[in-house]
Amino acid sequence: MNNIKIITKNRNAYHEYHVLEKIEAGITLRGTEVKSIRENSAISLKESYVDFLKGEAWLIGCRVSPYKQGNINNHDPERARKLLLHKRELNKLARQVAEKGITIVPLAAYFKQGKVKIEIGLCRGKRLYDKRDTIKQREADREMERAVKHRR
């Protein structure tokens, strides 16, 4: 991965969903939003999701903190932002979301060659026992790492 600077990751998405597929998408931002992100990486993907309106993908619930040096024309922190995808990707995602239990969640935001990109994931919700299994697996991996480290 060349020229990529991670802005933020949505760790909660990996806890709440099984990620079936990952896709990179561009995002339309205003000037003060980009300045704010560059200044202090103030973007939150925690409660956000992707919705389809009039054949376009929109990122809903994403918060970009206001730019400190902005004036009265500063952006609305929680406005819907359009995602930039190819038409065939939009059609494919819209078909898959029509299935029961499939949703699209942003997984990460990062700079790639100076542009802000969003990694979105095609996800299926986890059940409570799935979450418990994930936690058990993570704990077992940590224990194995500790044992290997201790033997050295």
N, C-alpha and C. Protein backbone atom coordinates (compact mmCIF):
# COMPACT_ATOMS: atom_id res chain seq x y z
N MET A 1 0.85 -1.18 0.00
CA MET A 1 0.00 0.00 0.00
C MET A 1 0.89 1.24 0.00
N ASN A 2 0.99 1.85 -1.14
CA ASN A 2 1.83 3.02 -1.26
C ASN A 2 1.02 4.29 -1.11
N ASN A 3 1.63 5.27 -0.49
CA ASN A 3 1.01 6.59 -0.36
C ASN A 3 -0.34 6.58 0.35
N ILE A 4 -0.50 5.73 1.35
CA ILE A 4 -1.77 5.68 2.09
C ILE A 4 -1.52 6.11 3.53
N LYS A 5 -2.33 7.07 3.98
CA LYS A 5 -2.26 7.54 5.36
C LYS A 5 -3.65 7.33 5.98
N ILE A 6 -3.72 6.43 6.95
CA ILE A 6 -4.99 6.11 7.59
C ILE A 6 -5.46 7.30 8.41
N ILE A 7 -6.71 7.70 8.23
CA ILE A 7 -7.31 8.77 9.01
C ILE A 7 -8.01 8.17 10.22
N THR A 8 -8.92 7.23 9.96
CA THR A 8 -9.65 6.58 11.05
C THR A 8 -10.15 5.22 10.59
N LYS A 9 -10.38 4.34 11.57
CA LYS A 9 -10.96 3.02 11.29
C LYS A 9 -12.22 2.87 12.12
N ASN A 10 -13.15 2.11 11.59
CA ASN A 10 -14.39 1.82 12.29
C ASN A 10 -14.26 0.44 12.93
N ARG A 11 -13.64 0.39 14.10
CA ARG A 11 -13.40 -0.88 14.78
C ARG A 11 -14.70 -1.57 15.18
N ASN A 12 -15.71 -0.77 15.49
CA ASN A 12 -16.99 -1.32 15.92
C ASN A 12 -17.65 -2.14 14.80
N ALA A 13 -17.37 -1.79 13.55
CA ALA A 13 -17.97 -2.51 12.43
C ALA A 13 -17.52 -3.96 12.41
N TYR A 14 -16.25 -4.21 12.73
CA TYR A 14 -15.75 -5.59 12.72
C TYR A 14 -16.34 -6.39 13.89
N HIS A 15 -16.75 -5.71 14.94
CA HIS A 15 -17.38 -6.39 16.08
C HIS A 15 -18.85 -6.70 15.80
N GLU A 16 -19.52 -5.81 15.10
CA GLU A 16 -20.96 -5.95 14.87
C GLU A 16 -21.32 -6.73 13.61
N TYR A 17 -20.39 -6.82 12.63
CA TYR A 17 -20.72 -7.40 11.34
C TYR A 17 -19.66 -8.38 10.86
N HIS A 18 -20.09 -9.33 10.01
CA HIS A 18 -19.18 -10.15 9.23
C HIS A 18 -18.93 -9.37 7.94
N VAL A 19 -17.70 -9.04 7.64
CA VAL A 19 -17.39 -8.29 6.43
C VAL A 19 -17.21 -9.30 5.29
N LEU A 20 -18.09 -9.22 4.30
CA LEU A 20 -18.07 -10.15 3.18
C LEU A 20 -17.17 -9.67 2.05
N GLU A 21 -17.14 -8.37 1.82
CA GLU A 21 -16.38 -7.81 0.71
C GLU A 21 -16.02 -6.36 1.03
N LYS A 22 -14.83 -5.93 0.59
CA LYS A 22 -14.39 -4.55 0.81
C LYS A 22 -14.24 -3.84 -0.53
N ILE A 23 -14.66 -2.57 -0.55
CA ILE A 23 -14.59 -1.77 -1.76
C ILE A 23 -14.09 -0.37 -1.40
N GLU A 24 -13.23 0.19 -2.26
CA GLU A 24 -12.74 1.54 -2.06
C GLU A 24 -13.64 2.51 -2.82
N ALA A 25 -14.03 3.60 -2.16
CA ALA A 25 -14.89 4.60 -2.80
C ALA A 25 -14.34 5.99 -2.51
N GLY A 26 -14.51 6.87 -3.48
CA GLY A 26 -14.20 8.27 -3.26
C GLY A 26 -15.36 8.91 -2.51
N ILE A 27 -15.15 10.11 -2.00
CA ILE A 27 -16.19 10.81 -1.27
C ILE A 27 -16.16 12.27 -1.65
N THR A 28 -17.33 12.88 -1.81
CA THR A 28 -17.39 14.30 -2.13
C THR A 28 -17.34 15.09 -0.83
N LEU A 29 -16.37 15.97 -0.73
CA LEU A 29 -16.20 16.79 0.46
C LEU A 29 -16.10 18.26 0.05
N ARG A 30 -16.44 19.13 0.97
CA ARG A 30 -16.25 20.56 0.75
C ARG A 30 -14.86 20.94 1.25
N GLY A 31 -14.42 22.12 0.87
CA GLY A 31 -13.07 22.58 1.21
C GLY A 31 -12.79 22.61 2.70
N THR A 32 -13.76 23.09 3.50
CA THR A 32 -13.52 23.17 4.94
C THR A 32 -13.49 21.78 5.56
N GLU A 33 -14.18 20.81 4.95
CA GLU A 33 -14.14 19.44 5.47
C GLU A 33 -12.76 18.83 5.26
N VAL A 34 -12.19 19.03 4.09
CA VAL A 34 -10.87 18.49 3.81
C VAL A 34 -9.83 19.15 4.71
N LYS A 35 -9.95 20.47 4.90
CA LYS A 35 -9.01 21.18 5.77
C LYS A 35 -9.11 20.65 7.20
N SER A 36 -10.32 20.41 7.67
CA SER A 36 -10.52 19.90 9.01
C SER A 36 -9.91 18.50 9.16
N ILE A 37 -10.11 17.65 8.16
CA ILE A 37 -9.57 16.29 8.21
C ILE A 37 -8.05 16.33 8.18
N ARG A 38 -7.48 17.17 7.32
CA ARG A 38 -6.02 17.28 7.24
C ARG A 38 -5.42 17.82 8.53
N GLU A 39 -6.13 18.75 9.15
CA GLU A 39 -5.62 19.40 10.35
C GLU A 39 -5.56 18.48 11.55
N ASN A 40 -6.67 17.78 11.83
CA ASN A 40 -6.69 16.99 13.06
C ASN A 40 -7.38 15.64 12.92
N SER A 41 -7.55 15.17 11.71
CA SER A 41 -8.17 13.86 11.46
C SER A 41 -9.49 13.69 12.21
N ALA A 42 -10.33 14.71 12.15
CA ALA A 42 -11.57 14.72 12.92
C ALA A 42 -12.72 14.18 12.09
N ILE A 43 -12.76 12.87 11.93
CA ILE A 43 -13.85 12.23 11.21
C ILE A 43 -14.27 10.99 12.00
N SER A 44 -15.57 10.80 12.14
CA SER A 44 -16.09 9.67 12.91
C SER A 44 -17.01 8.84 12.03
N LEU A 45 -16.72 7.55 11.95
CA LEU A 45 -17.52 6.62 11.15
C LEU A 45 -18.39 5.72 12.02
N LYS A 46 -18.42 5.96 13.30
CA LYS A 46 -19.00 5.02 14.25
C LYS A 46 -20.46 4.66 13.97
N GLU A 47 -21.32 5.62 13.79
CA GLU A 47 -22.75 5.35 13.60
C GLU A 47 -23.17 5.48 12.14
N SER A 48 -22.24 5.45 11.21
CA SER A 48 -22.58 5.74 9.83
C SER A 48 -22.86 4.48 9.03
N TYR A 49 -23.55 4.67 7.90
CA TYR A 49 -23.91 3.59 7.00
C TYR A 49 -24.08 4.17 5.61
N VAL A 50 -24.21 3.31 4.62
CA VAL A 50 -24.39 3.73 3.23
C VAL A 50 -25.82 3.43 2.81
N ASP A 51 -26.46 4.41 2.16
CA ASP A 51 -27.82 4.24 1.67
C ASP A 51 -27.86 4.62 0.18
N PHE A 52 -28.80 4.06 -0.55
CA PHE A 52 -28.94 4.35 -1.97
C PHE A 52 -30.16 5.22 -2.19
N LEU A 53 -29.94 6.40 -2.80
CA LEU A 53 -31.03 7.31 -3.12
C LEU A 53 -30.88 7.74 -4.58
N LYS A 54 -31.91 7.52 -5.38
CA LYS A 54 -31.93 7.91 -6.79
C LYS A 54 -30.72 7.37 -7.56
N GLY A 55 -30.35 6.14 -7.31
CA GLY A 55 -29.27 5.51 -8.05
C GLY A 55 -27.87 5.95 -7.63
N GLU A 56 -27.74 6.63 -6.50
CA GLU A 56 -26.44 7.08 -6.00
C GLU A 56 -26.24 6.56 -4.58
N ALA A 57 -24.98 6.36 -4.21
CA ALA A 57 -24.66 5.90 -2.86
C ALA A 57 -24.34 7.11 -1.99
N TRP A 58 -24.92 7.17 -0.81
CA TRP A 58 -24.71 8.29 0.12
C TRP A 58 -24.23 7.76 1.46
N LEU A 59 -23.25 8.42 2.03
CA LEU A 59 -22.74 8.09 3.36
C LEU A 59 -23.54 8.91 4.36
N ILE A 60 -24.29 8.24 5.22
CA ILE A 60 -25.17 8.89 6.17
C ILE A 60 -24.63 8.69 7.58
N GLY A 61 -24.67 9.73 8.39
CA GLY A 61 -24.28 9.63 9.80
C GLY A 61 -22.80 9.81 10.07
N CYS A 62 -22.02 10.10 9.06
CA CYS A 62 -20.58 10.33 9.24
C CYS A 62 -20.40 11.76 9.75
N ARG A 63 -19.57 11.93 10.77
CA ARG A 63 -19.35 13.26 11.34
C ARG A 63 -17.94 13.74 11.04
N VAL A 64 -17.87 14.91 10.42
CA VAL A 64 -16.59 15.60 10.18
C VAL A 64 -16.64 16.88 10.98
N SER A 65 -15.76 17.01 11.95
CA SER A 65 -15.76 18.18 12.82
C SER A 65 -15.57 19.46 12.02
N PRO A 66 -16.20 20.55 12.47
CA PRO A 66 -16.05 21.82 11.76
C PRO A 66 -14.61 22.33 11.78
N TYR A 67 -14.25 23.04 10.73
CA TYR A 67 -12.92 23.62 10.62
C TYR A 67 -12.84 24.82 11.56
N LYS A 68 -11.80 24.86 12.39
CA LYS A 68 -11.69 25.89 13.42
C LYS A 68 -11.57 27.30 12.84
N GLN A 69 -10.85 27.43 11.72
CA GLN A 69 -10.69 28.75 11.12
C GLN A 69 -11.80 29.05 10.10
N GLY A 70 -12.80 28.20 10.04
CA GLY A 70 -13.90 28.41 9.10
C GLY A 70 -14.77 29.57 9.53
N ASN A 71 -15.52 30.13 8.61
CA ASN A 71 -16.40 31.25 8.92
C ASN A 71 -17.85 30.79 8.90
N ILE A 72 -18.76 31.69 8.60
CA ILE A 72 -20.18 31.32 8.61
C ILE A 72 -20.53 30.33 7.50
N ASN A 73 -19.65 30.19 6.53
CA ASN A 73 -19.87 29.25 5.44
C ASN A 73 -19.30 27.87 5.74
N ASN A 74 -18.98 27.59 7.00
CA ASN A 74 -18.45 26.28 7.39
C ASN A 74 -19.49 25.20 7.10
N HIS A 75 -19.04 23.97 6.93
CA HIS A 75 -19.92 22.86 6.56
C HIS A 75 -20.75 22.36 7.75
N ASP A 76 -21.84 21.69 7.43
CA ASP A 76 -22.66 21.01 8.43
C ASP A 76 -21.94 19.72 8.81
N PRO A 77 -21.62 19.50 10.09
CA PRO A 77 -20.81 18.34 10.48
C PRO A 77 -21.41 16.99 10.13
N GLU A 78 -22.73 16.86 10.10
CA GLU A 78 -23.34 15.54 9.90
C GLU A 78 -24.16 15.44 8.63
N ARG A 79 -23.78 16.19 7.61
CA ARG A 79 -24.53 16.14 6.35
C ARG A 79 -24.26 14.82 5.63
N ALA A 80 -25.18 14.44 4.76
CA ALA A 80 -24.98 13.24 3.93
C ALA A 80 -23.96 13.56 2.85
N ARG A 81 -23.05 12.63 2.59
CA ARG A 81 -21.99 12.85 1.60
C ARG A 81 -22.08 11.77 0.53
N LYS A 82 -21.95 12.20 -0.70
CA LYS A 82 -22.07 11.28 -1.83
C LYS A 82 -20.79 10.46 -1.98
N LEU A 83 -20.96 9.17 -2.21
CA LEU A 83 -19.82 8.29 -2.48
C LEU A 83 -19.65 8.15 -3.98
N LEU A 84 -18.40 8.13 -4.41
CA LEU A 84 -18.09 8.06 -5.84
C LEU A 84 -17.70 6.64 -6.20
N LEU A 85 -18.59 5.99 -6.94
CA LEU A 85 -18.38 4.61 -7.38
C LEU A 85 -18.75 4.50 -8.86
N HIS A 86 -18.21 3.50 -9.53
CA HIS A 86 -18.59 3.23 -10.90
C HIS A 86 -20.01 2.70 -10.94
N LYS A 87 -20.69 2.90 -12.05
CA LYS A 87 -22.09 2.51 -12.19
C LYS A 87 -22.29 1.02 -11.96
N ARG A 88 -21.39 0.20 -12.48
CA ARG A 88 -21.55 -1.26 -12.29
C ARG A 88 -21.36 -1.65 -10.83
N GLU A 89 -20.47 -0.94 -10.11
CA GLU A 89 -20.31 -1.20 -8.68
C GLU A 89 -21.57 -0.81 -7.93
N LEU A 90 -22.15 0.35 -8.27
CA LEU A 90 -23.39 0.79 -7.63
C LEU A 90 -24.51 -0.23 -7.85
N ASN A 91 -24.65 -0.69 -9.09
CA ASN A 91 -25.71 -1.67 -9.40
C ASN A 91 -25.49 -2.97 -8.64
N LYS A 92 -24.25 -3.43 -8.60
CA LYS A 92 -23.93 -4.68 -7.89
C LYS A 92 -24.25 -4.55 -6.40
N LEU A 93 -23.82 -3.44 -5.80
CA LEU A 93 -24.06 -3.22 -4.37
C LEU A 93 -25.55 -3.09 -4.07
N ALA A 94 -26.27 -2.37 -4.93
CA ALA A 94 -27.71 -2.20 -4.71
C ALA A 94 -28.44 -3.54 -4.77
N ARG A 95 -28.03 -4.41 -5.69
CA ARG A 95 -28.65 -5.75 -5.77
C ARG A 95 -28.37 -6.55 -4.50
N GLN A 96 -27.12 -6.49 -4.02
CA GLN A 96 -26.76 -7.28 -2.86
C GLN A 96 -27.41 -6.75 -1.58
N VAL A 97 -27.60 -5.43 -1.49
CA VAL A 97 -28.25 -4.85 -0.32
C VAL A 97 -29.73 -5.21 -0.29
N ALA A 98 -30.30 -5.46 -1.45
CA ALA A 98 -31.71 -5.85 -1.51
C ALA A 98 -31.94 -7.19 -0.82
N GLU A 99 -30.88 -8.00 -0.70
CA GLU A 99 -30.99 -9.26 0.04
C GLU A 99 -31.24 -8.96 1.52
N LYS A 100 -31.87 -9.90 2.19
CA LYS A 100 -32.16 -9.71 3.60
C LYS A 100 -30.88 -9.83 4.43
N GLY A 101 -30.68 -8.88 5.33
CA GLY A 101 -29.57 -8.95 6.28
C GLY A 101 -28.25 -8.41 5.78
N ILE A 102 -28.19 -7.87 4.56
CA ILE A 102 -26.95 -7.32 4.02
C ILE A 102 -27.02 -5.80 4.13
N THR A 103 -25.93 -5.19 4.58
CA THR A 103 -25.84 -3.74 4.68
C THR A 103 -24.44 -3.30 4.27
N ILE A 104 -24.29 -2.02 4.02
CA ILE A 104 -22.98 -1.48 3.65
C ILE A 104 -22.55 -0.51 4.74
N VAL A 105 -21.36 -0.77 5.29
CA VAL A 105 -20.85 0.01 6.42
C VAL A 105 -19.46 0.53 6.06
N PRO A 106 -19.16 1.79 6.38
CA PRO A 106 -17.79 2.28 6.17
C PRO A 106 -16.84 1.64 7.18
N LEU A 107 -15.70 1.16 6.70
CA LEU A 107 -14.73 0.48 7.56
C LEU A 107 -13.55 1.37 7.91
N ALA A 108 -13.14 2.23 6.99
CA ALA A 108 -11.97 3.08 7.23
C ALA A 108 -12.03 4.30 6.33
N ALA A 109 -11.32 5.34 6.75
CA ALA A 109 -11.13 6.53 5.93
C ALA A 109 -9.63 6.78 5.87
N TYR A 110 -9.14 7.13 4.68
CA TYR A 110 -7.70 7.33 4.54
C TYR A 110 -7.41 8.25 3.36
N PHE A 111 -6.19 8.80 3.37
CA PHE A 111 -5.70 9.59 2.24
C PHE A 111 -4.96 8.65 1.31
N LYS A 112 -5.28 8.74 0.01
CA LYS A 112 -4.56 7.97 -0.99
C LYS A 112 -4.22 8.94 -2.12
N GLN A 113 -2.95 9.18 -2.29
CA GLN A 113 -2.45 10.12 -3.29
C GLN A 113 -3.10 11.49 -3.12
N GLY A 114 -3.25 11.93 -1.87
CA GLY A 114 -3.77 13.25 -1.58
C GLY A 114 -5.28 13.37 -1.57
N LYS A 115 -6.00 12.29 -1.86
CA LYS A 115 -7.45 12.32 -1.89
C LYS A 115 -8.01 11.47 -0.75
N VAL A 116 -9.15 11.90 -0.21
CA VAL A 116 -9.79 11.16 0.87
C VAL A 116 -10.60 10.02 0.25
N LYS A 117 -10.35 8.82 0.74
CA LYS A 117 -11.06 7.62 0.27
C LYS A 117 -11.74 6.97 1.46
N ILE A 118 -12.84 6.29 1.20
CA ILE A 118 -13.57 5.54 2.22
C ILE A 118 -13.57 4.08 1.80
N GLU A 119 -13.18 3.21 2.72
CA GLU A 119 -13.28 1.78 2.47
C GLU A 119 -14.62 1.32 3.03
N ILE A 120 -15.48 0.84 2.14
CA ILE A 120 -16.79 0.38 2.57
C ILE A 120 -16.82 -1.14 2.51
N GLY A 121 -17.61 -1.72 3.38
CA GLY A 121 -17.69 -3.17 3.43
C GLY A 121 -19.12 -3.65 3.26
N LEU A 122 -19.29 -4.68 2.48
CA LEU A 122 -20.56 -5.36 2.35
C LEU A 122 -20.64 -6.31 3.53
N CYS A 123 -21.59 -6.10 4.42
CA CYS A 123 -21.59 -6.78 5.71
C CYS A 123 -22.91 -7.49 5.99
N ARG A 124 -22.79 -8.52 6.81
CA ARG A 124 -23.95 -9.23 7.36
C ARG A 124 -23.84 -9.15 8.87
N GLY A 125 -24.91 -8.81 9.54
CA GLY A 125 -24.90 -8.64 10.98
C GLY A 125 -24.55 -9.91 11.73
N LYS A 126 -23.79 -9.76 12.81
CA LYS A 126 -23.44 -10.91 13.66
C LYS A 126 -24.53 -11.10 14.71
N ARG A 127 -24.69 -12.33 15.10
CA ARG A 127 -25.57 -12.63 16.22
C ARG A 127 -24.73 -12.63 17.48
N LEU A 128 -25.37 -12.69 18.63
CA LEU A 128 -24.66 -12.60 19.91
C LEU A 128 -23.65 -13.73 20.06
N TYR A 129 -24.01 -14.95 19.66
CA TYR A 129 -23.07 -16.06 19.82
C TYR A 129 -21.88 -15.91 18.87
N ASP A 130 -22.09 -15.27 17.71
CA ASP A 130 -20.96 -15.00 16.81
C ASP A 130 -19.98 -14.04 17.46
N LYS A 131 -20.50 -13.02 18.14
CA LYS A 131 -19.64 -12.05 18.82
C LYS A 131 -18.84 -12.74 19.92
N ARG A 132 -19.50 -13.64 20.63
CA ARG A 132 -18.81 -14.36 21.70
C ARG A 132 -17.70 -15.24 21.13
N ASP A 133 -17.99 -15.90 20.02
CA ASP A 133 -16.97 -16.74 19.37
C ASP A 133 -15.77 -15.90 18.92
N THR A 134 -16.03 -14.72 18.40
CA THR A 134 -14.95 -13.83 17.97
C THR A 134 -14.09 -13.43 19.16
N ILE A 135 -14.72 -13.11 20.27
CA ILE A 135 -13.98 -12.72 21.48
C ILE A 135 -13.15 -13.89 21.99
N LYS A 136 -13.72 -15.11 22.00
CA LYS A 136 -12.99 -16.29 22.44
C LYS A 136 -11.78 -16.55 21.55
N GLN A 137 -11.96 -16.43 20.25
CA GLN A 137 -10.87 -16.64 19.30
C GLN A 137 -9.75 -15.62 19.52
N ARG A 138 -10.13 -14.37 19.73
CA ARG A 138 -9.13 -13.32 19.97
C ARG A 138 -8.34 -13.60 21.25
N GLU A 139 -9.05 -14.01 22.30
CA GLU A 139 -8.38 -14.34 23.57
C GLU A 139 -7.44 -15.52 23.41
N ALA A 140 -7.87 -16.55 22.66
CA ALA A 140 -7.02 -17.72 22.43
C ALA A 140 -5.76 -17.32 21.66
N ASP A 141 -5.91 -16.46 20.66
CA ASP A 141 -4.74 -15.99 19.90
C ASP A 141 -3.77 -15.23 20.79
N ARG A 142 -4.31 -14.40 21.67
CA ARG A 142 -3.45 -13.64 22.59
C ARG A 142 -2.69 -14.58 23.53
N GLU A 143 -3.39 -15.60 24.02
CA GLU A 143 -2.74 -16.56 24.92
C GLU A 143 -1.61 -17.30 24.20
N MET A 144 -1.84 -17.69 22.94
CA MET A 144 -0.79 -18.36 22.18
C MET A 144 0.40 -17.44 21.97
N GLU A 145 0.14 -16.17 21.67
CA GLU A 145 1.23 -15.21 21.48
C GLU A 145 2.03 -15.05 22.77
N ARG A 146 1.33 -14.98 23.90
CA ARG A 146 2.02 -14.84 25.19
C ARG A 146 2.89 -16.06 25.47
N ALA A 147 2.35 -17.27 25.17
CA ALA A 147 3.11 -18.50 25.42
C ALA A 147 4.35 -18.56 24.54
N VAL A 148 4.21 -18.21 23.30
CA VAL A 148 5.36 -18.21 22.38
C VAL A 148 6.39 -17.18 22.82
N LYS A 149 5.92 -16.02 23.22
CA LYS A 149 6.82 -14.96 23.68
C LYS A 149 7.54 -15.37 24.97
N HIS A 150 6.82 -16.05 25.86
CA HIS A 150 7.39 -16.47 27.14
C HIS A 150 8.46 -17.54 26.95
N ARG A 151 8.26 -18.45 25.98
CA ARG A 151 9.23 -19.50 25.71
C ARG A 151 10.55 -18.94 25.20
N ARG A 152 10.49 -17.84 24.49
CA ARG A 152 11.72 -17.23 23.97
C ARG A 152 12.44 -16.61 25.10
